[in-house]
Amino acid sequence: MIPGREKRLQDVLSNVSRETVDNLIGFEELFRKWSKAINLASPSTLDQLWERHIVDSAQLFDMAPNALKWLDLGSGGGFPGIVLAILLKQRSGSSIDLVESNGKKAAFLRTAIGQFSAPGTVHAMRIDTAWAKIATPDIITARALASLSSLFTLAEPWLTWGAVALFQKGRDYRREIEESRDAWSFDLVERESAVDKDSVVLQISNLRRTDTNV
């Protein structure tokens, strides 16, 4: 147990068990080990892995306190997907689907799910081929994956059937919001990031196309 790391988790989570903290520390160690062989994250961020990636991912959990079925798109190195999978062990009946087309990254994700006995399923496929395989979740997440308009296209089948998105965005988020309104209508709640003052979590619901040519 590392007190400083536990404290940062407590800053963004209403309840976090010692087992969960230990699992997340274990995931950090696993991530660093695999990062030596495959590119899981920008090397420049590895010195701040706990804050920049793990705490940043964990903050999503309490934004949907009643959500049981989660879907993470373009899961990559496991942020936020694996972090959420570990946290979901505390929420009875919950699960998360992780979609990642890169075979090596998908193998890493499966290793993490297995090592921490997390309630997750990894789908090694493109997102557009997952539409018919994954039922509409309560929450969809994506981090550092694509522009907001592109995310809408990727997540449209689920969002139009009632899912809510929690998309993490950086300092250009206002421009992305305005550009996306050319082709989409949606309800939006902007949530401040607990990690980066220039970042936000965009809560999206009631997505509809307004331009069918997009």
C-alpha atoms as a PDB file:
ATOM      1  CA  MET A   1       0.000   0.000   0.000  1.00  0.00           C
ATOM      2  CA  ILE A   2       1.323   3.432  -0.972  1.00  0.00           C
ATOM      3  CA  PRO A   3      -0.486   6.157   1.084  1.00  0.00           C
ATOM      4  CA  GLY A   4      -0.150   8.948  -1.482  1.00  0.00           C
ATOM      5  CA  ARG A   5      -1.675   6.853  -4.213  1.00  0.00           C
ATOM      6  CA  GLU A   6      -4.541   5.707  -2.002  1.00  0.00           C
ATOM      7  CA  LYS A   7      -5.247   9.330  -1.038  1.00  0.00           C
ATOM      8  CA  ARG A   8      -5.526  10.408  -4.683  1.00  0.00           C
ATOM      9  CA  LEU A   9      -8.026   7.631  -5.346  1.00  0.00           C
ATOM     10  CA  GLN A  10     -10.051   8.716  -2.321  1.00  0.00           C
ATOM     11  CA  ASP A  11     -10.103  12.229  -3.767  1.00  0.00           C
ATOM     12  CA  VAL A  12     -12.090  11.020  -6.795  1.00  0.00           C
ATOM     13  CA  LEU A  13     -13.974   8.009  -5.382  1.00  0.00           C
ATOM     14  CA  SER A  14     -16.573   7.937  -2.619  1.00  0.00           C
ATOM     15  CA  ASN A  15     -15.584   4.430  -1.581  1.00  0.00           C
ATOM     16  CA  VAL A  16     -12.492   2.416  -2.420  1.00  0.00           C
ATOM     17  CA  SER A  17     -11.455  -0.791  -0.677  1.00  0.00           C
ATOM     18  CA  ARG A  18      -7.907  -1.771   0.224  1.00  0.00           C
ATOM     19  CA  GLU A  19      -8.195  -4.709  -2.194  1.00  0.00           C
ATOM     20  CA  THR A  20      -9.123  -2.313  -4.997  1.00  0.00           C
ATOM     21  CA  VAL A  21      -6.153  -0.057  -4.274  1.00  0.00           C
ATOM     22  CA  ASP A  22      -3.857  -3.080  -4.221  1.00  0.00           C
ATOM     23  CA  ASN A  23      -5.303  -4.293  -7.531  1.00  0.00           C
ATOM     24  CA  LEU A  24      -4.754  -0.910  -9.157  1.00  0.00           C
ATOM     25  CA  ILE A  25      -1.175  -0.781  -7.895  1.00  0.00           C
ATOM     26  CA  GLY A  26      -0.734  -4.273  -9.308  1.00  0.00           C
ATOM     27  CA  PHE A  27      -2.147  -3.115 -12.624  1.00  0.00           C
ATOM     28  CA  GLU A  28       0.317  -0.239 -12.676  1.00  0.00           C
ATOM     29  CA  GLU A  29       3.149  -2.744 -12.239  1.00  0.00           C
ATOM     30  CA  LEU A  30       1.744  -4.997 -14.980  1.00  0.00           C
ATOM     31  CA  PHE A  31       1.376  -2.012 -17.297  1.00  0.00           C
ATOM     32  CA  ARG A  32       4.987  -0.958 -16.801  1.00  0.00           C
ATOM     33  CA  LYS A  33       6.177  -4.513 -17.459  1.00  0.00           C
ATOM     34  CA  TRP A  34       4.247  -4.839 -20.727  1.00  0.00           C
ATOM     35  CA  SER A  35       5.176  -1.308 -21.798  1.00  0.00           C
ATOM     36  CA  LYS A  36       8.751  -2.473 -22.225  1.00  0.00           C
ATOM     37  CA  ALA A  37       7.613  -4.726 -25.081  1.00  0.00           C
ATOM     38  CA  ILE A  38       4.674  -2.901 -26.672  1.00  0.00           C
ATOM     39  CA  ASN A  39       3.611   0.739 -26.884  1.00  0.00           C
ATOM     40  CA  LEU A  40       0.746   1.064 -24.420  1.00  0.00           C
ATOM     41  CA  ALA A  41       1.038   4.791 -23.659  1.00  0.00           C
ATOM     42  CA  SER A  42       3.161   7.792 -24.498  1.00  0.00           C
ATOM     43  CA  PRO A  43       6.573   7.292 -22.824  1.00  0.00           C
ATOM     44  CA  SER A  44       6.494  10.922 -21.673  1.00  0.00           C
ATOM     45  CA  THR A  45       3.526  10.164 -19.380  1.00  0.00           C
ATOM     46  CA  LEU A  46       4.932   7.066 -17.663  1.00  0.00           C
ATOM     47  CA  ASP A  47       6.513   9.080 -14.836  1.00  0.00           C
ATOM     48  CA  GLN A  48       3.012  10.261 -13.923  1.00  0.00           C
ATOM     49  CA  LEU A  49       1.223   7.001 -14.671  1.00  0.00           C
ATOM     50  CA  TRP A  50      -0.800   6.916 -11.463  1.00  0.00           C
ATOM     51  CA  GLU A  51      -2.120  10.472 -11.752  1.00  0.00           C
ATOM     52  CA  ARG A  52      -2.314  10.937 -15.526  1.00  0.00           C
ATOM     53  CA  HIS A  53      -3.847   7.571 -16.336  1.00  0.00           C
ATOM     54  CA  ILE A  54      -5.120   5.621 -13.330  1.00  0.00           C
ATOM     55  CA  VAL A  55      -6.682   8.418 -11.254  1.00  0.00           C
ATOM     56  CA  ASP A  56      -7.869  10.126 -14.443  1.00  0.00           C
ATOM     57  CA  SER A  57      -9.673   6.917 -15.415  1.00  0.00           C
ATOM     58  CA  ALA A  58     -11.011   6.189 -11.923  1.00  0.00           C
ATOM     59  CA  GLN A  59     -12.870   9.503 -11.706  1.00  0.00           C
ATOM     60  CA  LEU A  60     -15.461   8.174 -14.180  1.00  0.00           C
ATOM     61  CA  PHE A  61     -16.685   5.503 -11.780  1.00  0.00           C
ATOM     62  CA  ASP A  62     -18.682   7.740  -9.433  1.00  0.00           C
ATOM     63  CA  MET A  63     -20.101   9.737 -12.343  1.00  0.00           C
ATOM     64  CA  ALA A  64     -22.423   6.775 -12.997  1.00  0.00           C
ATOM     65  CA  PRO A  65     -23.014   5.270  -9.542  1.00  0.00           C
ATOM     66  CA  ASN A  66     -25.895   3.025 -10.616  1.00  0.00           C
ATOM     67  CA  ALA A  67     -24.519   1.818 -13.955  1.00  0.00           C
ATOM     68  CA  LEU A  68     -23.947  -1.930 -14.191  1.00  0.00           C
ATOM     69  CA  LYS A  69     -23.156  -2.475 -17.869  1.00  0.00           C
ATOM     70  CA  TRP A  70     -20.200  -0.545 -19.260  1.00  0.00           C
ATOM     71  CA  LEU A  71     -18.507  -0.430 -22.655  1.00  0.00           C
ATOM     72  CA  ASP A  72     -15.035   0.981 -23.308  1.00  0.00           C
ATOM     73  CA  LEU A  73     -14.127   1.777 -26.917  1.00  0.00           C
ATOM     74  CA  GLY A  74     -10.557   1.611 -28.182  1.00  0.00           C
ATOM     75  CA  SER A  75      -9.324   0.334 -24.833  1.00  0.00           C
ATOM     76  CA  GLY A  76      -5.629   0.416 -25.780  1.00  0.00           C
ATOM     77  CA  GLY A  77      -3.512   0.183 -22.643  1.00  0.00           C
ATOM     78  CA  GLY A  78      -6.523  -0.185 -20.361  1.00  0.00           C
ATOM     79  CA  PHE A  79      -7.432   3.419 -19.626  1.00  0.00           C
ATOM     80  CA  PRO A  80     -10.130   3.730 -18.571  1.00  0.00           C
ATOM     81  CA  GLY A  81     -11.327   0.168 -19.322  1.00  0.00           C
ATOM     82  CA  ILE A  82      -9.163  -1.936 -17.005  1.00  0.00           C
ATOM     83  CA  VAL A  83      -9.271   0.642 -14.216  1.00  0.00           C
ATOM     84  CA  LEU A  84     -13.073   0.583 -14.397  1.00  0.00           C
ATOM     85  CA  ALA A  85     -13.122  -3.224 -14.560  1.00  0.00           C
ATOM     86  CA  ILE A  86     -11.155  -3.379 -11.311  1.00  0.00           C
ATOM     87  CA  LEU A  87     -13.445  -0.814  -9.669  1.00  0.00           C
ATOM     88  CA  LEU A  88     -16.530  -2.698 -10.859  1.00  0.00           C
ATOM     89  CA  LYS A  89     -15.526  -5.636  -8.666  1.00  0.00           C
ATOM     90  CA  GLN A  90     -17.026  -3.511  -5.866  1.00  0.00           C
ATOM     91  CA  ARG A  91     -20.383  -3.222  -7.678  1.00  0.00           C
ATOM     92  CA  SER A  92     -22.394  -6.448  -7.624  1.00  0.00           C
ATOM     93  CA  GLY A  93     -23.764  -7.618 -10.978  1.00  0.00           C
ATOM     94  CA  SER A  94     -21.651  -5.244 -13.036  1.00  0.00           C
ATOM     95  CA  SER A  95     -19.432  -5.885 -16.068  1.00  0.00           C
ATOM     96  CA  ILE A  96     -17.543  -4.074 -18.804  1.00  0.00           C
ATOM     97  CA  ASP A  97     -16.845  -4.875 -22.455  1.00  0.00           C
ATOM     98  CA  LEU A  98     -13.536  -3.641 -23.852  1.00  0.00           C
ATOM     99  CA  VAL A  99     -13.128  -3.254 -27.615  1.00  0.00           C
ATOM    100  CA  GLU A 100      -9.580  -3.134 -28.996  1.00  0.00           C
ATOM    101  CA  SER A 101      -8.571  -4.044 -32.550  1.00  0.00           C
ATOM    102  CA  ASN A 102      -4.820  -4.296 -31.896  1.00  0.00           C
ATOM    103  CA  GLY A 103      -4.020  -7.924 -31.135  1.00  0.00           C
ATOM    104  CA  LYS A 104      -1.069  -7.269 -28.819  1.00  0.00           C
ATOM    105  CA  LYS A 105      -2.985  -4.702 -26.798  1.00  0.00           C
ATOM    106  CA  ALA A 106      -5.999  -7.030 -26.635  1.00  0.00           C
ATOM    107  CA  ALA A 107      -3.706  -9.750 -25.256  1.00  0.00           C
ATOM    108  CA  PHE A 108      -2.491  -7.334 -22.580  1.00  0.00           C
ATOM    109  CA  LEU A 109      -6.060  -6.436 -21.658  1.00  0.00           C
ATOM    110  CA  ARG A 110      -7.024 -10.105 -21.336  1.00  0.00           C
ATOM    111  CA  THR A 111      -3.997 -10.707 -19.126  1.00  0.00           C
ATOM    112  CA  ALA A 112      -5.041  -7.847 -16.849  1.00  0.00           C
ATOM    113  CA  ILE A 113      -8.662  -9.022 -16.655  1.00  0.00           C
ATOM    114  CA  GLY A 114      -7.494 -12.502 -15.720  1.00  0.00           C
ATOM    115  CA  GLN A 115      -4.823 -11.450 -13.235  1.00  0.00           C
ATOM    116  CA  PHE A 116      -7.217  -9.280 -11.236  1.00  0.00           C
ATOM    117  CA  SER A 117     -10.339 -11.439 -11.727  1.00  0.00           C
ATOM    118  CA  ALA A 118     -12.164  -8.382 -13.017  1.00  0.00           C
ATOM    119  CA  PRO A 119     -15.667  -8.586 -14.543  1.00  0.00           C
ATOM    120  CA  GLY A 120     -14.618  -7.725 -18.086  1.00  0.00           C
ATOM    121  CA  THR A 121     -14.669  -9.196 -21.582  1.00  0.00           C
ATOM    122  CA  VAL A 122     -12.142  -8.190 -24.241  1.00  0.00           C
ATOM    123  CA  HIS A 123     -13.265  -8.071 -27.876  1.00  0.00           C
ATOM    124  CA  ALA A 124     -10.332  -8.060 -30.298  1.00  0.00           C
ATOM    125  CA  MET A 125     -12.140  -6.392 -33.171  1.00  0.00           C
ATOM    126  CA  ARG A 126     -12.958  -3.102 -34.814  1.00  0.00           C
ATOM    127  CA  ILE A 127     -15.611  -1.035 -33.102  1.00  0.00           C
ATOM    128  CA  ASP A 128     -17.938  -1.101 -36.105  1.00  0.00           C
ATOM    129  CA  THR A 129     -17.923  -4.901 -36.084  1.00  0.00           C
ATOM    130  CA  ALA A 130     -18.813  -4.914 -32.379  1.00  0.00           C
ATOM    131  CA  TRP A 131     -22.163  -3.220 -32.945  1.00  0.00           C
ATOM    132  CA  ALA A 132     -23.972  -6.511 -33.533  1.00  0.00           C
ATOM    133  CA  LYS A 133     -22.111  -8.373 -30.791  1.00  0.00           C
ATOM    134  CA  ILE A 134     -22.421  -6.106 -27.763  1.00  0.00           C
ATOM    135  CA  ALA A 135     -25.808  -5.175 -26.322  1.00  0.00           C
ATOM    136  CA  THR A 136     -26.558  -1.567 -25.455  1.00  0.00           C
ATOM    137  CA  PRO A 137     -24.748  -0.717 -22.202  1.00  0.00           C
ATOM    138  CA  ASP A 138     -25.616   1.827 -19.546  1.00  0.00           C
ATOM    139  CA  ILE A 139     -22.364   3.753 -20.044  1.00  0.00           C
ATOM    140  CA  ILE A 140     -19.902   4.096 -22.928  1.00  0.00           C
ATOM    141  CA  THR A 141     -16.388   5.408 -22.320  1.00  0.00           C
ATOM    142  CA  ALA A 142     -13.557   6.456 -24.608  1.00  0.00           C
ATOM    143  CA  ARG A 143     -10.282   8.226 -23.915  1.00  0.00           C
ATOM    144  CA  ALA A 144      -7.767   9.647 -26.408  1.00  0.00           C
ATOM    145  CA  LEU A 145      -9.465   7.753 -29.221  1.00  0.00           C
ATOM    146  CA  ALA A 146     -10.946  10.144 -31.800  1.00  0.00           C
ATOM    147  CA  SER A 147     -12.656  13.483 -32.346  1.00  0.00           C
ATOM    148  CA  LEU A 148     -16.077  13.921 -30.782  1.00  0.00           C
ATOM    149  CA  SER A 149     -17.813  13.672 -34.173  1.00  0.00           C
ATOM    150  CA  SER A 150     -15.959  10.444 -34.925  1.00  0.00           C
ATOM    151  CA  LEU A 151     -16.849   9.070 -31.502  1.00  0.00           C
ATOM    152  CA  PHE A 152     -20.495   9.766 -32.215  1.00  0.00           C
ATOM    153  CA  THR A 153     -20.270   7.785 -35.444  1.00  0.00           C
ATOM    154  CA  LEU A 154     -18.547   4.888 -33.684  1.00  0.00           C
ATOM    155  CA  ALA A 155     -20.957   4.812 -30.742  1.00  0.00           C
ATOM    156  CA  GLU A 156     -24.153   5.781 -32.573  1.00  0.00           C
ATOM    157  CA  PRO A 157     -25.862   2.353 -32.495  1.00  0.00           C
ATOM    158  CA  TRP A 158     -25.614   2.231 -28.713  1.00  0.00           C
ATOM    159  CA  LEU A 159     -26.146   5.923 -27.941  1.00  0.00           C
ATOM    160  CA  THR A 160     -29.322   6.139 -30.002  1.00  0.00           C
ATOM    161  CA  TRP A 161     -30.700   3.182 -28.041  1.00  0.00           C
ATOM    162  CA  GLY A 162     -30.317   4.889 -24.695  1.00  0.00           C
ATOM    163  CA  ALA A 163     -26.708   4.522 -23.582  1.00  0.00           C
ATOM    164  CA  VAL A 164     -24.961   7.490 -21.984  1.00  0.00           C
ATOM    165  CA  ALA A 165     -21.402   8.414 -22.940  1.00  0.00           C
ATOM    166  CA  LEU A 166     -18.619   9.648 -20.689  1.00  0.00           C
ATOM    167  CA  PHE A 167     -15.986  10.873 -23.137  1.00  0.00           C
ATOM    168  CA  GLN A 168     -12.751  12.313 -21.745  1.00  0.00           C
ATOM    169  CA  LYS A 169     -11.498  15.299 -23.717  1.00  0.00           C
ATOM    170  CA  GLY A 170      -8.593  17.741 -23.598  1.00  0.00           C
ATOM    171  CA  ARG A 171      -8.263  21.483 -24.057  1.00  0.00           C
ATOM    172  CA  ASP A 172      -9.781  21.552 -27.581  1.00  0.00           C
ATOM    173  CA  TYR A 173     -13.077  20.124 -26.385  1.00  0.00           C
ATOM    174  CA  ARG A 174     -15.101  23.299 -27.066  1.00  0.00           C
ATOM    175  CA  ARG A 175     -14.081  23.295 -30.720  1.00  0.00           C
ATOM    176  CA  GLU A 176     -14.964  19.605 -30.997  1.00  0.00           C
ATOM    177  CA  ILE A 177     -18.379  20.238 -29.472  1.00  0.00           C
ATOM    178  CA  GLU A 178     -19.168  23.037 -31.924  1.00  0.00           C
ATOM    179  CA  GLU A 179     -17.950  21.043 -34.922  1.00  0.00           C
ATOM    180  CA  SER A 180     -20.045  18.046 -33.925  1.00  0.00           C
ATOM    181  CA  ARG A 181     -23.219  20.146 -33.766  1.00  0.00           C
ATOM    182  CA  ASP A 182     -23.101  20.490 -37.556  1.00  0.00           C
ATOM    183  CA  ALA A 183     -24.289  16.899 -37.873  1.00  0.00           C
ATOM    184  CA  TRP A 184     -25.579  15.815 -34.479  1.00  0.00           C
ATOM    185  CA  SER A 185     -27.979  16.856 -31.744  1.00  0.00           C
ATOM    186  CA  PHE A 186     -27.391  15.702 -28.186  1.00  0.00           C
ATOM    187  CA  ASP A 187     -27.782  16.547 -24.533  1.00  0.00           C
ATOM    188  CA  LEU A 188     -24.522  17.590 -22.928  1.00  0.00           C
ATOM    189  CA  VAL A 189     -23.204  17.936 -19.401  1.00  0.00           C
ATOM    190  CA  GLU A 190     -19.623  19.174 -19.022  1.00  0.00           C
ATOM    191  CA  ARG A 191     -17.904  17.722 -15.977  1.00  0.00           C
ATOM    192  CA  GLU A 192     -14.613  19.145 -14.764  1.00  0.00           C
ATOM    193  CA  SER A 193     -11.683  16.766 -14.660  1.00  0.00           C
ATOM    194  CA  ALA A 194     -10.354  16.049 -11.185  1.00  0.00           C
ATOM    195  CA  VAL A 195      -6.874  15.595 -12.644  1.00  0.00           C
ATOM    196  CA  ASP A 196      -6.312  18.250 -15.324  1.00  0.00           C
ATOM    197  CA  LYS A 197      -7.860  21.727 -15.247  1.00  0.00           C
ATOM    198  CA  ASP A 198      -7.741  21.877 -19.053  1.00  0.00           C
ATOM    199  CA  SER A 199      -9.631  18.605 -19.481  1.00  0.00           C
ATOM    200  CA  VAL A 200     -13.265  17.616 -19.110  1.00  0.00           C
ATOM    201  CA  VAL A 201     -15.543  14.625 -19.134  1.00  0.00           C
ATOM    202  CA  LEU A 202     -18.377  15.114 -21.603  1.00  0.00           C
ATOM    203  CA  GLN A 203     -21.578  13.368 -20.564  1.00  0.00           C
ATOM    204  CA  ILE A 204     -23.573  12.749 -23.736  1.00  0.00           C
ATOM    205  CA  SER A 205     -27.121  11.434 -24.050  1.00  0.00           C
ATOM    206  CA  ASN A 206     -30.054  11.489 -26.494  1.00  0.00           C
ATOM    207  CA  LEU A 207     -27.778  11.465 -29.547  1.00  0.00           C
ATOM    208  CA  ARG A 208     -29.462  11.983 -32.927  1.00  0.00           C
ATOM    209  CA  ARG A 209     -28.180  12.698 -36.420  1.00  0.00           C
ATOM    210  CA  THR A 210     -29.218  15.993 -37.993  1.00  0.00           C
ATOM    211  CA  ASP A 211     -27.164  15.480 -41.175  1.00  0.00           C
ATOM    212  CA  THR A 212     -27.674  12.056 -42.725  1.00  0.00           C
ATOM    213  CA  ASN A 213     -24.747  12.587 -45.109  1.00  0.00           C
ATOM    214  CA  VAL A 214     -22.190  12.322 -42.300  1.00  0.00           C
END
